Amino acid sequence: MENLIQQLRDRRIAVTPQRLAVMAVLQSRRDHPTADHIYQEVRRGLPAISFNTVYKTLEILCQQGMVIKVNPLHAVARYDGETGQHAHLICRQCHRIIDLDWEGSEVPVLPAAALQGFRIEHSSLTFWGLCPRCQTSEPHEEDEHGDGSRTGISL
């Protein structure tokens, strides 16, 4: 908990029980939960918390680089507490998101001329496809929590 408090203080973000609870949920999970899933889990310990507070907290944490928002096309935003270098595998059918270790490989450096003056603050690498389950089964609904996990696969 002290580590979470220090991370907030280092970024000059007010330390509140609500923010700590949201961060603790994200740090305990690797399944890229939605804001609603985070809200449901935080609410177990803080019954009076509002969804709006959870959502605003997630947005602040994203702006400060403490959380990554993963936005699969045509799906609700999901949140990733793992901000270290890694890629995502996203199933285009069930929207499962899996972290893919990205060790030893840097993001390609873009030529300055291609950037047209744009300053990059964050980059991400996403691979779209079908997870093993969707390759062999009938179409199905997205898992409640995305069923994501971290793989040992390195790029």
Protein backbone atom coordinates (compact mmCIF):
# COMPACT_ATOMS: atom_id res chain seq x y z
CA MET A 1 0.00 0.00 0.00
CA GLU A 2 2.90 2.34 0.77
CA ASN A 3 4.13 1.87 -2.80
CA LEU A 4 0.75 2.96 -4.19
CA ILE A 5 0.68 5.99 -1.89
CA GLN A 6 4.17 6.99 -3.00
CA GLN A 7 3.26 6.61 -6.68
CA LEU A 8 0.38 9.04 -6.21
CA ARG A 9 2.47 11.50 -4.21
CA ASP A 10 5.27 11.39 -6.80
CA ARG A 11 2.76 12.58 -9.39
CA ARG A 12 1.19 15.16 -7.06
CA ILE A 13 -2.14 13.33 -7.02
CA ALA A 14 -4.15 13.59 -3.80
CA VAL A 15 -4.11 10.30 -1.90
CA THR A 16 -7.67 9.17 -1.20
CA PRO A 17 -9.11 5.81 -0.10
CA GLN A 18 -11.02 5.67 -3.41
CA ARG A 19 -7.91 6.14 -5.55
CA LEU A 20 -5.97 3.62 -3.50
CA ALA A 21 -8.78 1.09 -3.85
CA VAL A 22 -8.94 1.51 -7.64
CA MET A 23 -5.16 1.17 -7.93
CA ALA A 24 -5.12 -1.88 -5.67
CA VAL A 25 -7.74 -3.61 -7.82
CA LEU A 26 -5.77 -2.93 -11.00
CA GLN A 27 -2.49 -4.07 -9.48
CA SER A 28 -4.09 -7.32 -8.31
CA ARG A 29 -5.50 -8.25 -11.72
CA ARG A 30 -4.10 -9.13 -15.13
CA ASP A 31 -7.35 -9.48 -17.02
CA HIS A 32 -7.84 -5.91 -18.30
CA PRO A 33 -11.14 -5.20 -16.51
CA THR A 34 -13.70 -2.63 -17.63
CA ALA A 35 -14.48 0.39 -15.49
CA ASP A 36 -17.68 -1.37 -14.41
CA HIS A 37 -15.78 -4.49 -13.29
CA ILE A 38 -13.38 -2.30 -11.31
CA TYR A 39 -16.31 -0.40 -9.80
CA GLN A 40 -18.01 -3.65 -8.72
CA GLU A 41 -14.84 -4.88 -7.05
CA VAL A 42 -13.99 -1.57 -5.33
CA ARG A 43 -17.57 -1.27 -4.12
CA ARG A 44 -17.15 -4.44 -2.05
CA GLY A 45 -14.75 -2.55 0.22
CA LEU A 46 -16.19 0.96 -0.28
CA PRO A 47 -19.97 0.52 -0.67
CA ALA A 48 -20.63 4.27 -0.97
CA ILE A 49 -18.27 4.82 -3.91
CA SER A 50 -19.90 5.97 -7.14
CA PHE A 51 -19.19 4.72 -10.63
CA ASN A 52 -18.33 8.29 -11.60
CA THR A 53 -15.57 8.41 -8.95
CA VAL A 54 -14.08 5.16 -10.25
CA TYR A 55 -14.24 6.38 -13.85
CA LYS A 56 -12.67 9.76 -13.05
CA THR A 57 -9.95 8.05 -11.04
CA LEU A 58 -9.16 5.76 -13.98
CA GLU A 59 -8.94 8.75 -16.31
CA ILE A 60 -6.56 10.58 -13.93
CA LEU A 61 -4.40 7.48 -13.61
CA CYS A 62 -4.33 7.12 -17.40
CA GLN A 63 -3.34 10.76 -17.87
CA GLN A 64 -0.50 10.29 -15.39
CA GLY A 65 0.77 7.10 -17.07
CA MET A 66 -0.08 4.88 -14.11
CA VAL A 67 -2.71 2.90 -16.03
CA ILE A 68 -3.11 2.06 -19.70
CA LYS A 69 -6.50 2.24 -21.38
CA VAL A 70 -6.92 -0.49 -23.97
CA ASN A 71 -9.67 0.33 -26.44
CA PRO A 72 -10.54 -2.61 -28.65
CA LEU A 73 -12.54 -1.41 -31.63
CA HIS A 74 -16.29 -1.52 -31.05
CA ALA A 75 -15.86 -2.62 -27.45
CA VAL A 76 -15.90 -0.94 -24.06
CA ALA A 77 -12.56 0.42 -22.77
CA ARG A 78 -10.51 -1.90 -20.61
CA TYR A 79 -7.81 -0.92 -18.14
CA ASP A 80 -4.34 -2.35 -17.62
CA GLY A 81 -2.39 -1.72 -14.43
CA GLU A 82 0.76 -3.12 -16.04
CA THR A 83 2.45 -0.08 -17.56
CA GLY A 84 5.77 -1.75 -18.37
CA GLN A 85 6.70 -2.49 -21.93
CA HIS A 86 4.41 -5.16 -23.33
CA ALA A 87 2.13 -5.79 -26.27
CA HIS A 88 -1.49 -6.95 -26.38
CA LEU A 89 -3.11 -9.84 -28.17
CA ILE A 90 -6.80 -9.07 -28.72
CA CYS A 91 -9.31 -11.62 -29.93
CA ARG A 92 -11.57 -9.96 -32.50
CA GLN A 93 -14.42 -12.31 -31.60
CA CYS A 94 -14.59 -12.51 -27.77
CA HIS A 95 -12.44 -9.40 -27.12
CA ARG A 96 -10.15 -11.29 -24.75
CA ILE A 97 -6.98 -9.27 -24.12
CA ILE A 98 -3.75 -11.04 -23.28
CA ASP A 99 -0.54 -9.30 -22.23
CA LEU A 100 2.42 -10.34 -24.32
CA ASP A 101 5.88 -9.82 -22.80
CA TRP A 102 7.88 -7.49 -25.00
CA GLU A 103 11.36 -7.88 -23.61
CA GLY A 104 14.49 -6.88 -25.44
CA SER A 105 12.68 -5.22 -28.28
CA GLU A 106 12.11 -1.51 -28.58
CA VAL A 107 9.32 0.28 -30.37
CA PRO A 108 10.52 1.18 -33.87
CA VAL A 109 11.94 4.69 -34.01
CA LEU A 110 9.94 6.80 -36.41
CA PRO A 111 11.72 9.30 -38.64
CA ALA A 112 11.24 12.89 -37.49
CA ALA A 113 9.78 13.83 -40.88
CA ALA A 114 7.06 11.18 -40.51
CA LEU A 115 6.01 12.58 -37.13
CA GLN A 116 5.07 15.97 -38.60
CA GLY A 117 5.90 17.67 -35.32
CA PHE A 118 3.86 15.20 -33.25
CA ARG A 119 5.35 14.40 -29.81
CA ILE A 120 4.80 10.77 -28.86
CA GLU A 121 4.05 10.23 -25.17
CA HIS A 122 3.00 6.59 -25.23
CA SER A 123 3.17 3.82 -27.77
CA SER A 124 1.48 0.46 -27.85
CA LEU A 125 1.65 -2.63 -29.95
CA THR A 126 -1.52 -4.62 -30.53
CA PHE A 127 -2.03 -7.81 -32.47
CA TRP A 128 -5.57 -8.72 -33.54
CA GLY A 129 -6.69 -12.25 -34.30
CA LEU A 130 -8.60 -15.18 -32.88
CA CYS A 131 -7.78 -16.79 -29.55
CA PRO A 132 -7.51 -20.60 -29.51
CA ARG A 133 -11.00 -20.98 -28.05
CA CYS A 134 -12.61 -18.82 -30.75
CA GLN A 135 -10.74 -20.67 -33.48
CA THR A 136 -12.43 -23.92 -32.52
CA SER A 137 -15.82 -22.93 -31.11
CA GLU A 138 -19.05 -21.28 -32.05
CA PRO A 139 -19.30 -17.49 -31.54
CA HIS A 140 -19.80 -16.64 -27.87
CA GLU A 141 -20.14 -13.61 -25.67
CA GLU A 142 -17.15 -11.88 -24.10
CA ASP A 143 -16.05 -13.36 -20.80
CA GLU A 144 -17.19 -11.41 -17.77
CA HIS A 145 -13.67 -10.20 -17.01
CA GLY A 146 -12.04 -10.65 -20.40
CA ASP A 147 -10.23 -13.80 -19.18
CA GLY A 148 -6.89 -12.19 -20.02
CA SER A 149 -3.62 -13.34 -18.65
CA ARG A 150 0.06 -12.63 -19.04
CA THR A 151 2.02 -14.93 -21.33
CA GLY A 152 5.69 -15.74 -21.24
CA ILE A 153 5.98 -15.21 -24.98
CA SER A 154 8.60 -12.63 -25.89
CA LEU A 155 8.85 -10.69 -29.10
